[in-house]
C-alpha atoms as a PDB file:
ATOM      1  CA  LEU A   1       0.000   0.000   0.000  1.00  0.00           C
ATOM      2  CA  ALA A   2       1.408   3.339  -1.052  1.00  0.00           C
ATOM      3  CA  VAL A   3      -0.019   5.831   1.416  1.00  0.00           C
ATOM      4  CA  PRO A   4      -0.758   9.064  -0.463  1.00  0.00           C
ATOM      5  CA  THR A   5       0.531  12.361   0.886  1.00  0.00           C
ATOM      6  CA  TRP A   6      -3.012  13.595   1.590  1.00  0.00           C
ATOM      7  CA  ALA A   7      -3.854  10.655   3.888  1.00  0.00           C
ATOM      8  CA  ASP A   8      -2.108  11.657   7.108  1.00  0.00           C
ATOM      9  CA  PRO A   9      -3.133  15.318   7.309  1.00  0.00           C
ATOM     10  CA  THR A  10      -6.676  14.577   6.179  1.00  0.00           C
ATOM     11  CA  LEU A  11      -7.316  11.575   8.418  1.00  0.00           C
ATOM     12  CA  ASP A  12      -5.571  13.206  11.372  1.00  0.00           C
ATOM     13  CA  ARG A  13      -8.106  16.077  11.129  1.00  0.00           C
ATOM     14  CA  LEU A  14     -11.048  13.734  11.653  1.00  0.00           C
ATOM     15  CA  PRO A  15     -12.471  13.951  15.168  1.00  0.00           C
ATOM     16  CA  ALA A  16     -11.842  11.046  17.529  1.00  0.00           C
ATOM     17  CA  GLY A  17     -14.526   8.415  17.169  1.00  0.00           C
ATOM     18  CA  THR A  18     -15.338   9.189  13.541  1.00  0.00           C
ATOM     19  CA  LYS A  19     -16.899   6.074  11.999  1.00  0.00           C
ATOM     20  CA  VAL A  20     -15.004   5.183   8.815  1.00  0.00           C
ATOM     21  CA  LEU A  21     -16.122   2.668   6.225  1.00  0.00           C
ATOM     22  CA  ASN A  22     -12.938   1.017   5.065  1.00  0.00           C
ATOM     23  CA  ASP A  23     -11.728  -1.964   3.095  1.00  0.00           C
ATOM     24  CA  TRP A  24     -11.069  -4.987   5.312  1.00  0.00           C
ATOM     25  CA  ASN A  25      -7.551  -5.390   3.927  1.00  0.00           C
ATOM     26  CA  LEU A  26      -6.673  -1.851   5.000  1.00  0.00           C
ATOM     27  CA  GLY A  27      -8.041  -2.201   8.519  1.00  0.00           C
ATOM     28  CA  GLY A  28      -4.930  -3.422  10.328  1.00  0.00           C
ATOM     29  CA  TYR A  29      -2.769  -0.598   9.057  1.00  0.00           C
ATOM     30  CA  LEU A  30      -5.485   2.004   9.593  1.00  0.00           C
ATOM     31  CA  MET A  31      -6.152   0.787  13.125  1.00  0.00           C
ATOM     32  CA  TRP A  32      -2.437   1.081  13.940  1.00  0.00           C
ATOM     33  CA  ARG A  33      -1.931   4.469  12.261  1.00  0.00           C
ATOM     34  CA  TYR A  34      -5.243   6.131  13.219  1.00  0.00           C
ATOM     35  CA  PRO A  35      -6.305   4.575  16.538  1.00  0.00           C
ATOM     36  CA  ARG A  36      -8.734   7.450  17.228  1.00  0.00           C
ATOM     37  CA  LEU A  37     -10.950   6.478  14.299  1.00  0.00           C
ATOM     38  CA  ASP A  38     -13.795   3.972  14.578  1.00  0.00           C
ATOM     39  CA  LEU A  39     -13.088   1.598  11.695  1.00  0.00           C
ATOM     40  CA  MET A  40     -15.870  -0.609  10.442  1.00  0.00           C
ATOM     41  CA  MET A  41     -13.473  -3.369   9.348  1.00  0.00           C
ATOM     42  CA  HIS A  42     -10.116  -4.674  10.516  1.00  0.00           C
ATOM     43  CA  GLY A  43      -8.356  -7.984  10.949  1.00  0.00           C
ATOM     44  CA  TYR A  44      -9.453  -8.701  14.519  1.00  0.00           C
ATOM     45  CA  GLY A  45     -12.498 -10.819  13.687  1.00  0.00           C
ATOM     46  CA  ASP A  46     -13.060 -11.866  17.293  1.00  0.00           C
ATOM     47  CA  THR A  47     -14.027  -8.276  18.165  1.00  0.00           C
ATOM     48  CA  PHE A  48     -17.031  -8.357  15.819  1.00  0.00           C
ATOM     49  CA  THR A  49     -20.400  -9.976  16.343  1.00  0.00           C
ATOM     50  CA  THR A  50     -21.657 -12.400  13.713  1.00  0.00           C
ATOM     51  CA  ALA A  51     -24.166  -9.738  12.638  1.00  0.00           C
ATOM     52  CA  GLU A  52     -21.344  -7.199  12.151  1.00  0.00           C
ATOM     53  CA  LEU A  53     -19.295  -9.675  10.121  1.00  0.00           C
ATOM     54  CA  ASP A  54     -22.340 -10.408   7.955  1.00  0.00           C
ATOM     55  CA  ARG A  55     -22.968  -6.670   7.538  1.00  0.00           C
ATOM     56  CA  ASN A  56     -19.362  -6.032   6.518  1.00  0.00           C
ATOM     57  CA  THR A  57     -19.490  -8.824   3.958  1.00  0.00           C
ATOM     58  CA  ARG A  58     -22.750  -7.415   2.542  1.00  0.00           C
ATOM     59  CA  LEU A  59     -21.155  -3.985   2.292  1.00  0.00           C
ATOM     60  CA  LEU A  60     -18.049  -5.174   0.458  1.00  0.00           C
ATOM     61  CA  LEU A  61     -20.085  -7.352  -1.913  1.00  0.00           C
ATOM     62  CA  VAL A  62     -22.780  -4.678  -2.294  1.00  0.00           C
ATOM     63  CA  GLY A  63     -25.264  -7.356  -1.280  1.00  0.00           C
ATOM     64  CA  PRO A  64     -28.968  -6.925  -0.623  1.00  0.00           C
ATOM     65  CA  GLY A  65     -29.568  -4.328   2.083  1.00  0.00           C
ATOM     66  CA  TRP A  66     -26.078  -2.815   1.941  1.00  0.00           C
ATOM     67  CA  GLN A  67     -27.377   0.777   1.760  1.00  0.00           C
ATOM     68  CA  GLN A  68     -29.500   0.322   4.889  1.00  0.00           C
ATOM     69  CA  ASP A  69     -26.584  -1.323   6.690  1.00  0.00           C
ATOM     70  CA  LEU A  70     -24.308   1.578   5.866  1.00  0.00           C
ATOM     71  CA  LYS A  71     -26.851   4.236   6.817  1.00  0.00           C
ATOM     72  CA  ALA A  72     -27.495   2.476  10.132  1.00  0.00           C
ATOM     73  CA  SER A  73     -23.743   2.385  10.868  1.00  0.00           C
ATOM     74  CA  GLY A  74     -23.455   6.170  11.051  1.00  0.00           C
ATOM     75  CA  ALA A  75     -20.402   6.215   8.758  1.00  0.00           C
ATOM     76  CA  ARG A  76     -20.127   9.422   6.744  1.00  0.00           C
ATOM     77  CA  VAL A  77     -16.530   8.850   5.600  1.00  0.00           C
ATOM     78  CA  ALA A  78     -15.125   5.997   3.514  1.00  0.00           C
ATOM     79  CA  LEU A  79     -11.518   5.064   2.774  1.00  0.00           C
ATOM     80  CA  LEU A  80     -11.562   2.411   0.081  1.00  0.00           C
ATOM     81  CA  ARG A  81      -9.736   1.046  -2.932  1.00  0.00           C
ATOM     82  CA  PRO A  82     -10.489   2.963  -6.118  1.00  0.00           C
ATOM     83  CA  GLY A  83     -12.480   0.951  -8.617  1.00  0.00           C
ATOM     84  CA  SER A  84     -13.926  -1.449  -6.056  1.00  0.00           C
ATOM     85  CA  LEU A  85     -17.592  -2.294  -6.479  1.00  0.00           C
ATOM     86  CA  LEU A  86     -18.428  -0.572  -3.188  1.00  0.00           C
ATOM     87  CA  THR A  87     -16.541   2.596  -4.139  1.00  0.00           C
ATOM     88  CA  THR A  88     -18.266   2.708  -7.509  1.00  0.00           C
ATOM     89  CA  GLN A  89     -21.727   2.210  -6.015  1.00  0.00           C
ATOM     90  CA  LEU A  90     -21.191   4.817  -3.310  1.00  0.00           C
ATOM     91  CA  VAL A  91     -20.208   7.432  -5.888  1.00  0.00           C
ATOM     92  CA  LEU A  92     -22.571   6.580  -8.733  1.00  0.00           C
ATOM     93  CA  GLN A  93     -25.606   5.256  -6.893  1.00  0.00           C
ATOM     94  CA  GLU A  94     -25.504   6.975  -3.510  1.00  0.00           C
ATOM     95  CA  GLY A  95     -23.918  10.310  -4.427  1.00  0.00           C
ATOM     96  CA  TRP A  96     -20.878  10.147  -2.154  1.00  0.00           C
ATOM     97  CA  HIS A  97     -18.226  12.740  -3.025  1.00  0.00           C
ATOM     98  CA  VAL A  98     -14.572  12.021  -3.773  1.00  0.00           C
ATOM     99  CA  VAL A  99     -12.534  14.136  -1.355  1.00  0.00           C
ATOM    100  CA  HIS A 100      -9.117  12.755  -2.332  1.00  0.00           C
ATOM    101  CA  SER A 101      -7.914   9.930  -4.525  1.00  0.00           C
ATOM    102  CA  SER A 102      -4.737   8.168  -5.561  1.00  0.00           C
ATOM    103  CA  ASP A 103      -3.894   4.956  -7.376  1.00  0.00           C
ATOM    104  CA  ASP A 104      -4.270   3.018  -4.090  1.00  0.00           C
ATOM    105  CA  LEU A 105      -6.895   4.853  -2.021  1.00  0.00           C
ATOM    106  CA  VAL A 106      -9.968   6.998  -2.383  1.00  0.00           C
ATOM    107  CA  LEU A 107     -11.471   9.061   0.417  1.00  0.00           C
ATOM    108  CA  LEU A 108     -15.216   9.614   0.141  1.00  0.00           C
ATOM    109  CA  GLN A 109     -17.660  11.735   2.079  1.00  0.00           C
ATOM    110  CA  ALA A 110     -21.377  11.118   2.267  1.00  0.00           C
ATOM    111  CA  PRO A 111     -23.611  13.761   0.682  1.00  0.00           C
ATOM    112  CA  GLU A 112     -25.450  16.261   2.875  1.00  0.00           C
ATOM    113  CA  SER A 113     -28.674  14.376   2.190  1.00  0.00           C
ATOM    114  CA  TRP A 114     -27.261  11.213   3.741  1.00  0.00           C
ATOM    115  CA  ARG A 115     -29.063  10.425   6.943  1.00  0.00           C
ATOM    116  CA  SER A 116     -28.926   7.610   9.464  1.00  0.00           C
ATOM    117  CA  PRO A 117     -30.164   6.919  12.982  1.00  0.00           C
ATOM    118  CA  GLN A 118     -26.585   7.342  14.228  1.00  0.00           C
ATOM    119  CA  PRO A 119     -25.297  10.928  14.559  1.00  0.00           C
ATOM    120  CA  ALA A 120     -22.305  11.963  12.523  1.00  0.00           C
ATOM    121  CA  VAL A 121     -19.285  12.809  14.649  1.00  0.00           C
ATOM    122  CA  ALA A 122     -18.512  15.944  12.639  1.00  0.00           C
ATOM    123  CA  SER A 123     -18.366  17.490   9.214  1.00  0.00           C
ATOM    124  CA  PRO A 124     -14.718  16.562   8.812  1.00  0.00           C
ATOM    125  CA  PHE A 125     -13.842  18.066   5.445  1.00  0.00           C
ATOM    126  CA  ALA A 126     -15.133  21.606   5.758  1.00  0.00           C
ATOM    127  CA  SER A 127     -11.702  22.968   4.871  1.00  0.00           C
ATOM    128  CA  ALA A 128     -10.493  20.113   2.649  1.00  0.00           C
ATOM    129  CA  GLY A 129     -10.060  20.828  -1.048  1.00  0.00           C
END
């Protein structure tokens, strides 16, 4: 993984506890580098309930109910691989905005219209370009 230059300053600006939708394969590194963030996926499977593991699989496979799962999670930020099915669906189908991108990572933010039962931690990219 080539970490782009925008990753550290941008992710470090996110408030502690920000829920981040991320690719499972990135979770270990992200958990180590950004321990303040609430990652939806990482390599410690024994910390997840069966329902959470099922949800995460549905999200990555864009399976039935994935939009409801994501809305219910409270995540308003996603750090994913560019070109993945989930990334493509978030941008094209759900209207998420590309904040930053590189060959290895894309950072997305949910649109203003995105709502869920869980409160967003903050509007993290107010000053991001």
